[in-house]
Protein backbone atom coordinates (compact mmCIF):
# COMPACT_ATOMS: atom_id res chain seq x y z
CA UNK A 1 109.25 101.62 108.82
CA UNK A 2 107.15 104.19 107.20
CA UNK A 3 107.97 108.15 106.50
CA UNK A 4 105.51 110.65 107.25
CA UNK A 5 104.61 113.88 107.76
CA UNK A 6 103.84 115.45 111.12
CA UNK A 7 100.11 115.43 111.18
CA UNK A 8 98.81 119.09 112.02
CA UNK A 9 102.60 120.79 112.03
CA UNK A 10 101.71 124.07 110.05
CA UNK A 11 105.41 124.86 111.15
CA UNK A 12 107.56 126.39 108.44
CA UNK A 13 111.32 124.74 108.50
CA UNK A 14 114.84 125.52 106.60
CA UNK A 15 115.86 122.97 108.80
CA UNK A 16 115.71 119.02 108.72
CA UNK A 17 116.48 116.39 111.39
CA UNK A 18 118.82 113.48 111.29
CA UNK A 19 118.32 111.26 113.97
CA UNK A 20 121.01 107.93 114.57
CA UNK A 21 119.68 105.52 117.12
CA UNK A 22 121.87 105.61 120.03
CA UNK A 23 122.80 109.65 119.96
CA UNK A 24 120.97 112.91 119.81
CA UNK A 25 119.45 114.56 116.55
CA UNK A 26 121.44 117.13 115.21
CA UNK A 27 120.13 119.54 112.61
CA UNK A 28 121.54 118.90 108.46
CA UNK A 29 120.56 121.64 106.53
CA UNK A 30 121.95 122.02 102.68
CA UNK A 31 123.49 125.68 101.94
CA UNK A 32 125.20 124.97 105.47
CA UNK A 33 126.56 120.93 107.03
CA UNK A 34 125.59 119.88 103.46
CA UNK A 35 126.01 121.96 100.33
CA UNK A 36 123.68 120.57 97.58
CA UNK A 37 124.43 123.46 94.04
CA UNK A 38 122.36 123.58 90.97
CA UNK A 39 121.85 127.10 90.10
CA UNK A 40 124.38 126.83 87.06
CA UNK A 41 121.95 124.04 86.06
CA UNK A 42 118.97 126.62 86.34
CA UNK A 43 120.60 129.07 85.01
CA UNK A 44 120.95 126.54 81.84
CA UNK A 45 118.14 125.64 81.80
CA UNK A 46 116.61 128.97 81.38
CA UNK A 47 113.00 128.65 83.95
CA UNK A 48 112.48 127.39 87.32
CA UNK A 49 112.59 123.22 88.49
CA UNK A 50 109.14 121.98 88.82
CA UNK A 51 109.07 121.87 93.13
CA UNK A 52 108.12 117.96 93.49
CA UNK A 53 111.86 118.07 90.97
CA UNK A 54 113.25 120.64 93.71
CA UNK A 55 112.03 118.34 95.88
CA UNK A 56 113.19 115.22 95.12
CA UNK A 57 116.89 116.05 94.25
CA UNK A 58 116.75 117.64 97.54
CA UNK A 59 115.54 115.01 99.69
CA UNK A 60 118.05 113.26 97.97
CA UNK A 61 121.55 115.00 99.06
CA UNK A 62 119.81 115.35 102.71
CA UNK A 63 119.63 111.04 102.32
CA UNK A 64 123.01 110.98 101.19
CA UNK A 65 124.37 113.91 103.66
CA UNK A 66 122.59 111.43 106.38
CA UNK A 67 123.79 108.59 105.16
CA UNK A 68 127.42 109.36 105.22
CA UNK A 69 127.51 111.19 108.48
CA UNK A 70 125.74 108.27 109.95
CA UNK A 71 128.55 105.69 110.41
CA UNK A 72 128.50 101.79 110.52
CA UNK A 73 127.97 100.24 113.12
CA UNK A 74 131.87 98.79 114.43
CA UNK A 75 130.50 94.66 113.59
CA UNK A 76 129.42 95.83 109.92
CA UNK A 77 132.30 92.25 108.41
CA UNK A 78 129.90 90.25 110.42
CA UNK A 79 129.73 86.96 108.84
CA UNK A 80 125.71 86.93 108.76
CA UNK A 81 126.13 90.40 107.28
CA UNK A 82 123.34 91.77 110.12
CA UNK A 83 125.75 94.25 111.65
CA UNK A 84 126.12 96.27 108.56
CA UNK A 85 122.45 98.12 109.15
CA UNK A 86 121.46 101.69 111.23
CA UNK A 87 118.39 103.04 112.30
CA UNK A 88 118.29 106.33 110.59
CA UNK A 89 115.69 109.03 111.04
CA UNK A 90 115.31 111.92 108.19
CA UNK A 91 113.56 114.86 108.72
CA UNK A 92 113.09 117.02 104.81
CA UNK A 93 111.75 120.18 104.42
CA UNK A 94 109.81 120.17 101.30
CA UNK A 95 107.61 122.34 98.92
CA UNK A 96 104.45 119.81 99.17
CA UNK A 97 103.92 117.70 102.58
CA UNK A 98 100.81 116.08 101.79
CA UNK A 99 102.36 114.97 97.95
CA UNK A 100 105.96 113.56 99.33
CA UNK A 101 103.57 111.84 102.85
CA UNK A 102 101.46 110.22 99.90
CA UNK A 103 104.31 108.43 99.24
CA UNK A 104 107.23 108.25 101.49
CA UNK A 105 106.62 104.25 102.01
CA UNK A 106 107.61 104.26 98.59
CA UNK A 107 110.83 106.84 99.20
CA UNK A 108 111.73 104.36 103.03
CA UNK A 109 111.95 101.34 99.99
CA UNK A 110 114.12 103.17 98.20
CA UNK A 111 116.44 103.68 100.56
CA UNK A 112 116.10 99.81 102.23
CA UNK A 113 116.77 98.89 99.44
CA UNK A 114 119.99 100.54 98.65
CA UNK A 115 121.12 100.78 101.66
CA UNK A 116 119.61 97.70 104.53
CA UNK A 117 119.69 100.42 107.12
CA UNK A 118 115.69 101.25 109.05
CA UNK A 119 115.06 104.42 107.35
CA UNK A 120 111.87 106.66 109.15
CA UNK A 121 111.60 109.18 106.97
CA UNK A 122 109.12 112.78 107.90
CA UNK A 123 108.70 115.61 105.48
CA UNK A 124 107.99 119.19 106.61
CA UNK A 125 107.11 122.54 105.45
CA UNK A 126 109.77 124.69 103.54
CA UNK A 127 110.38 127.97 104.29
CA UNK A 128 109.24 129.69 100.91
CA UNK A 129 112.00 130.53 98.90
CA UNK A 130 114.35 128.75 101.53
CA UNK A 131 115.27 125.60 98.75
CA UNK A 132 117.81 124.54 97.41
CA UNK A 133 117.57 125.00 94.58
CA UNK A 134 115.29 128.11 94.81
CA UNK A 135 116.39 131.15 92.44
CA UNK A 136 114.99 135.29 92.48
CA UNK A 137 116.10 135.31 89.00
CA UNK A 138 114.01 136.08 86.21
CA UNK A 139 114.23 134.50 83.02
CA UNK A 140 113.77 135.95 79.71
CA UNK A 141 114.01 133.24 77.13
CA UNK A 142 114.27 129.15 76.79
CA UNK A 143 117.68 128.13 76.30
CA UNK A 144 117.90 124.60 75.86
CA UNK A 145 116.16 122.93 73.04
CA UNK A 146 113.52 120.67 73.64
CA UNK A 147 113.65 116.52 72.14
CA UNK A 148 116.13 114.12 73.30
CA UNK A 149 115.84 112.68 77.43
CA UNK A 150 118.90 113.79 78.74
CA UNK A 151 120.92 111.59 80.47
CA UNK A 152 123.51 110.66 83.51
CA UNK A 153 127.08 110.66 82.60
CA UNK A 154 129.69 109.88 85.69
CA UNK A 155 132.95 110.09 84.30
CA UNK A 156 133.06 106.70 83.67
CA UNK A 157 133.32 104.72 80.87
CA UNK A 158 130.03 103.30 80.28
CA UNK A 159 128.71 106.85 79.88
CA UNK A 160 131.30 107.87 77.67
CA UNK A 161 130.38 104.96 76.19
CA UNK A 162 126.66 105.83 75.76
CA UNK A 163 127.46 110.02 75.01
CA UNK A 164 130.03 108.51 71.82
CA UNK A 165 127.05 106.22 70.58
CA UNK A 166 124.49 109.19 70.82
CA UNK A 167 126.73 111.42 69.21
CA UNK A 168 127.48 108.65 66.25
CA UNK A 169 123.68 107.46 65.92
CA UNK A 170 121.53 110.60 66.32
CA UNK A 171 123.60 113.07 64.43
CA UNK A 172 120.86 116.28 64.34
CA UNK A 173 119.88 115.84 68.20
CA UNK A 174 121.79 117.98 70.66
CA UNK A 175 122.34 115.51 73.53
CA UNK A 176 121.95 116.70 77.38
CA UNK A 177 123.79 114.79 80.00
CA UNK A 178 123.05 115.69 83.16
CA UNK A 179 126.48 114.57 85.77
CA UNK A 180 126.39 115.16 89.96
CA UNK A 181 130.08 115.93 91.12
CA UNK A 182 131.05 115.77 94.75
CA UNK A 183 135.16 117.61 94.29
CA UNK A 184 136.68 119.67 92.16
CA UNK A 185 138.74 116.15 90.65
CA UNK A 186 135.35 114.74 89.27
CA UNK A 187 134.15 117.71 88.12
CA UNK A 188 137.06 118.64 85.98
CA UNK A 189 137.00 114.95 84.20
CA UNK A 190 133.40 114.99 83.22
CA UNK A 191 133.99 118.39 81.82
CA UNK A 192 137.49 117.14 80.33
CA UNK A 193 135.35 114.10 78.66
CA UNK A 194 132.36 115.90 77.48
CA UNK A 195 134.28 118.23 75.93
CA UNK A 196 136.52 115.48 73.58
CA UNK A 197 133.58 113.74 72.89
CA UNK A 198 131.33 116.17 71.28
CA UNK A 199 134.55 118.24 70.36
CA UNK A 200 134.13 117.06 66.54
CA UNK A 201 130.28 118.78 66.70
CA UNK A 202 130.11 120.58 68.74
CA UNK A 203 126.80 119.27 69.65
CA UNK A 204 125.95 118.66 73.73
CA UNK A 205 124.31 119.94 77.02
CA UNK A 206 126.40 119.53 80.08
CA UNK A 207 124.10 120.23 82.88
CA UNK A 208 126.07 119.56 86.15
CA UNK A 209 125.19 119.61 90.26
CA UNK A 210 127.55 119.53 93.07
CA UNK A 211 126.55 117.82 96.61
CA UNK A 212 129.20 117.90 99.16
CA UNK A 213 129.65 117.86 102.86
CA UNK A 214 130.89 121.11 105.06
CA UNK A 215 132.06 118.42 107.54
CA UNK A 216 134.79 115.27 107.23
CA UNK A 217 132.19 112.41 106.55
CA UNK A 218 131.98 109.32 108.73
CA UNK A 219 130.83 106.35 106.58
CA UNK A 220 132.54 105.66 103.20
CA UNK A 221 130.37 103.09 101.84
CA UNK A 222 127.82 105.69 99.62
CA UNK A 223 124.83 103.28 98.98
CA UNK A 224 122.72 106.46 98.82
CA UNK A 225 124.25 107.62 95.44
CA UNK A 226 122.19 105.75 93.27
CA UNK A 227 119.33 108.02 94.55
CA UNK A 228 121.06 111.01 94.71
CA UNK A 229 122.01 110.61 90.67
CA UNK A 230 118.61 109.26 89.86
CA UNK A 231 116.78 112.17 91.78
CA UNK A 232 119.05 114.00 89.46
CA UNK A 233 118.64 113.18 86.44
CA UNK A 234 114.78 112.69 86.51
CA UNK A 235 114.25 116.28 88.07
CA UNK A 236 115.92 117.88 85.49
CA UNK A 237 113.92 115.28 82.34
CA UNK A 238 110.71 117.15 84.42
CA UNK A 239 111.88 120.91 83.96
CA UNK A 240 112.89 119.92 80.41
CA UNK A 241 109.39 118.82 80.00
CA UNK A 242 110.88 115.25 79.74
CA UNK A 243 109.60 112.39 81.37
CA UNK A 244 112.35 109.99 80.47
CA UNK A 245 115.81 109.57 81.35
CA UNK A 246 118.96 107.46 79.76
CA UNK A 247 121.32 105.82 82.36
CA UNK A 248 124.38 104.09 80.45
CA UNK A 249 125.26 101.00 82.80
CA UNK A 250 126.23 97.54 81.82
CA UNK A 251 124.55 94.92 82.94
CA UNK A 252 127.50 93.10 85.04
CA UNK A 253 128.08 96.18 86.80
CA UNK A 254 124.42 96.91 87.25
CA UNK A 255 123.74 93.46 88.60
CA UNK A 256 127.11 93.50 90.49
CA UNK A 257 126.31 90.50 92.07
CA UNK A 258 128.85 89.32 95.17
CA UNK A 259 132.21 88.62 94.41
CA UNK A 260 132.15 86.56 98.47
CA UNK A 261 129.34 85.11 100.24
CA UNK A 262 130.17 87.74 102.92
CA UNK A 263 128.71 89.95 100.86
CA UNK A 264 124.95 90.46 102.42
CA UNK A 265 122.96 92.81 100.95
CA UNK A 266 123.79 96.19 99.41
CA UNK A 267 127.26 95.12 100.86
CA UNK A 268 127.13 95.00 96.86
CA UNK A 269 126.50 98.62 95.65
CA UNK A 270 122.70 98.97 93.86
CA UNK A 271 122.91 102.31 92.24
CA UNK A 272 122.29 101.61 88.84
CA UNK A 273 120.61 97.45 89.56
CA UNK A 274 117.49 96.68 87.61
CA UNK A 275 115.21 96.39 90.42
CA UNK A 276 116.17 100.39 91.85
CA UNK A 277 115.68 101.59 88.06
CA UNK A 278 112.05 100.14 88.08
CA UNK A 279 111.78 102.14 91.97
CA UNK A 280 112.98 105.04 90.95
CA UNK A 281 110.39 105.19 87.64
CA UNK A 282 107.82 104.02 89.96
CA UNK A 283 108.57 106.71 92.44
CA UNK A 284 108.82 109.52 89.81
CA UNK A 285 105.30 107.90 88.18
CA UNK A 286 103.91 108.29 92.24
CA UNK A 287 105.51 111.67 92.51
CA UNK A 288 104.48 113.05 88.76
CA UNK A 289 101.52 111.39 88.08
CA UNK A 290 102.23 110.47 84.72
CA UNK A 291 103.99 107.78 83.31
CA UNK A 292 107.96 107.53 83.57
CA UNK A 293 110.51 105.51 81.87
CA UNK A 294 114.08 105.10 82.32
CA UNK A 295 116.00 103.85 79.65
CA UNK A 296 119.34 101.64 80.29
CA UNK A 297 120.56 101.04 76.17
CA UNK A 298 123.36 98.50 78.09
CA UNK A 299 121.37 96.65 80.95
CA UNK A 300 121.69 93.30 79.09
CA UNK A 301 125.55 93.41 77.55
CA UNK A 302 128.12 93.13 79.17
CA UNK A 303 130.71 95.80 79.56
CA UNK A 304 133.09 94.62 76.60
CA UNK A 305 129.97 94.45 74.45
CA UNK A 306 129.54 97.94 75.31
CA UNK A 307 133.01 99.03 74.24
CA UNK A 308 132.49 96.99 71.10
CA UNK A 309 129.46 98.57 70.42
CA UNK A 310 131.36 102.09 69.47
CA UNK A 311 134.55 100.82 68.05
CA UNK A 312 135.38 104.71 66.52
CA UNK A 313 136.12 106.17 70.29
CA UNK A 314 139.19 107.46 70.56
CA UNK A 315 142.06 105.46 72.78
CA UNK A 316 142.99 108.87 74.50
CA UNK A 317 139.63 109.78 75.31
CA UNK A 318 138.76 106.31 76.75
CA UNK A 319 141.94 106.82 78.69
CA UNK A 320 141.05 109.69 80.66
CA UNK A 321 137.55 108.30 82.16
CA UNK A 322 137.91 106.75 85.09
CA UNK A 323 136.50 103.29 86.37
CA UNK A 324 138.15 103.02 89.53
CA UNK A 325 136.71 102.44 93.19
CA UNK A 326 139.26 105.39 94.64
CA UNK A 327 139.81 106.73 91.29
CA UNK A 328 138.24 110.32 91.50
CA UNK A 329 140.06 110.83 95.26
CA UNK A 330 143.88 109.62 93.59
CA UNK A 331 146.22 110.90 95.39
CA UNK A 332 148.82 110.10 93.08
CA UNK A 333 149.47 112.73 90.29
CA UNK A 334 148.74 110.55 86.26
CA UNK A 335 147.48 107.79 87.90
CA UNK A 336 143.83 107.86 88.00
CA UNK A 337 143.22 103.79 88.46
CA UNK A 338 144.50 101.46 91.15
CA UNK A 339 144.83 98.76 88.57
CA UNK A 340 143.51 96.09 91.68
CA UNK A 341 140.67 97.44 92.48
CA UNK A 342 137.58 94.86 90.93
CA UNK A 343 135.96 98.13 88.56
CA UNK A 344 139.77 98.46 87.44
CA UNK A 345 139.85 94.61 86.46
CA UNK A 346 136.24 94.73 84.62
CA UNK A 347 137.53 97.66 83.24
CA UNK A 348 140.55 95.76 81.78
CA UNK A 349 139.21 92.65 80.59
CA UNK A 350 136.13 94.26 78.92
CA UNK A 351 138.83 97.01 76.81
CA UNK A 352 140.57 93.82 76.08
CA UNK A 353 137.65 91.50 75.44
CA UNK A 354 136.39 94.33 73.47
CA UNK A 355 138.85 94.70 70.58
CA UNK A 356 140.25 98.09 72.79
CA UNK A 357 143.71 96.68 73.76
CA UNK A 358 145.01 100.29 72.77
CA UNK A 359 142.80 102.06 75.03
CA UNK A 360 143.75 99.55 77.43
CA UNK A 361 147.59 100.00 77.17
CA UNK A 362 147.01 103.65 76.87
CA UNK A 363 145.58 104.11 80.51
CA UNK A 364 148.04 104.58 83.30
CA UNK A 365 147.14 101.73 85.97
CA UNK A 366 149.36 101.90 89.67
CA UNK A 367 149.37 98.26 89.04
CA UNK A 368 148.98 96.18 85.67
CA UNK A 369 149.88 92.92 87.55
CA UNK A 370 146.94 92.25 89.93
CA UNK A 371 147.22 88.60 90.08
CA UNK A 372 147.29 87.18 94.13
CA UNK A 373 145.88 90.63 95.20
CA UNK A 374 142.61 89.69 97.02
CA UNK A 375 140.29 91.33 94.37
CA UNK A 376 141.68 89.71 91.82
CA UNK A 377 141.59 86.27 94.15
CA UNK A 378 137.05 87.15 94.69
CA UNK A 379 136.74 88.14 91.41
CA UNK A 380 138.01 84.72 89.88
CA UNK A 381 136.68 82.98 92.39
CA UNK A 382 133.33 84.29 91.29
CA UNK A 383 134.15 83.32 88.14
CA UNK A 384 134.46 79.61 88.00
CA UNK A 385 131.34 80.02 90.75
CA UNK A 386 129.26 81.19 87.49
CA UNK A 387 130.84 78.50 85.73
CA UNK A 388 130.26 75.10 87.42
CA UNK A 389 126.54 77.04 88.10
CA UNK A 390 125.88 77.89 83.27
CA UNK A 391 127.56 74.89 82.54
CA UNK A 392 125.26 72.61 84.63
CA UNK A 393 121.62 70.87 83.30
CA UNK A 394 119.29 73.53 84.29
CA UNK A 395 121.78 77.14 84.53
CA UNK A 396 119.56 79.37 85.65
CA UNK A 397 118.35 77.10 88.15
CA UNK A 398 121.88 76.53 89.52
CA UNK A 399 122.53 80.26 88.72
CA UNK A 400 119.86 80.49 91.99
CA UNK A 401 121.43 78.32 93.95
CA UNK A 402 124.11 80.40 93.85
CA UNK A 403 123.61 83.76 93.30
CA UNK A 404 120.17 83.89 95.35
CA UNK A 405 120.76 87.64 94.31
CA UNK A 406 119.47 86.70 90.53
CA UNK A 407 115.99 86.62 91.87
CA UNK A 408 115.46 90.14 92.39
CA UNK A 409 116.03 90.79 88.98
CA UNK A 410 112.64 89.97 88.95
CA UNK A 411 112.07 92.55 85.56
CA UNK A 412 114.44 90.77 83.56
CA UNK A 413 114.30 87.71 81.86
CA UNK A 414 116.07 84.48 83.55
CA UNK A 415 117.79 83.62 79.33
CA UNK A 416 118.51 87.23 79.18
CA UNK A 417 120.99 86.56 82.75
CA UNK A 418 122.31 83.62 81.33
CA UNK A 419 123.32 84.25 78.05
CA UNK A 420 124.80 87.59 79.50
CA UNK A 421 126.84 85.83 82.31
CA UNK A 422 127.55 83.42 79.37
CA UNK A 423 129.20 85.83 77.53
CA UNK A 424 130.27 87.42 80.04
CA UNK A 425 132.65 83.82 81.18
CA UNK A 426 133.53 83.80 77.31
CA UNK A 427 135.28 86.58 77.77
CA UNK A 428 137.44 86.23 80.14
CA UNK A 429 138.42 82.86 78.63
CA UNK A 430 139.55 84.83 75.43
CA UNK A 431 141.88 87.16 76.86
CA UNK A 432 143.43 85.68 80.39
CA UNK A 433 146.37 85.24 78.60
CA UNK A 434 146.43 87.83 76.66
CA UNK A 435 146.95 90.14 80.26
CA UNK A 436 148.60 88.28 81.90
CA UNK A 437 146.07 86.94 84.46
CA UNK A 438 146.73 83.11 85.28
CA UNK A 439 142.55 81.80 85.77
CA UNK A 440 142.75 80.42 89.81
CA UNK A 441 141.18 77.66 90.52
CA UNK A 442 138.94 79.16 93.81
CA UNK A 443 138.23 77.83 96.69
CA UNK A 444 135.47 77.28 98.89
CA UNK A 445 136.79 78.56 101.22
CA UNK A 446 136.54 82.61 100.37
């Protein structure tokens, strides 16, 4: 479906609207139903965000709220994945409805790629001064230096490695990192890590946005997180007069091939998928009228290769990063990592294969021996499928037949994909015994 502005509608709005197929529409207002707080960022920048930047971030925040408030159908786990999607209609007040109407098709395509839902998006005129990022404050002078493009910082291992490398390789620049947090624990982890990484030099500008919901959410899949984080990064880059953004995510995590045949489309998250980054670049360029570039230096590297590229990062700092799927919601004091989800397993594999068993030992996992868990079995079965494909005479063709999702990697050469996963398999083969995880002989029944 295609988004559009309501033709001939000259009214102005403070609230948007969320419609879910099969239920009545409801008001959706930033500052009430959902909270977007970027005023600390605006004050630190000492300038207003450009209107297109504020619009982009607020559109993404409202899409994120809609995604969290609209429950997926109960048959979401159907064999073919067809029951997973929803039909959503979102009306968003913006500062320039004509501009956003012109790119509405791209917005809808982006959302549908990330969520596997059918979206209708409409834009209406925002009441002047009513935006979540509008500020009545006047500014006397700038406080943020120009130069380096901002980088997204999540509080995960990859983002910490990226910032550490930036501080090491660009000693004369003052890195700017941009974060989104949805709870106090996430905010604290991000601040702690930036402080740890920059303490020796004192060089780092950390800009944090908060996004949260007033009411309890109904859907945990959160597939719009990728748009929200990228929108915040792009909008802040525009506020800095930049048309570049850095994102630190390894290739294995970014591509995120499904672990089971029952996973379809965005049931495996696409937050930093190469196609997602390309769509974000395209949308940003269309909105601003200038080419926008997203730099992803770890995209063709495994997570272990990213670890080995920054050997000087302290083990205690690594242990403070959060990689777990449920880490920021953990209620076990001192244990951010469950130790059994696929993100925890990939973290452990990368630290040991990347030459940092000390950092793995310093990380507190609630489970250190995950062998036999469903997540470990699924991960090992994926490795068996990868191994069989890449050992064939035509690795790329076999990889496509086993994982047709690689065809979405339109901007990554087949040879680069093959090299990436061959390296990933070698890393697993080298460390299986080191972490006491017996190799699992996969079964097509999974």
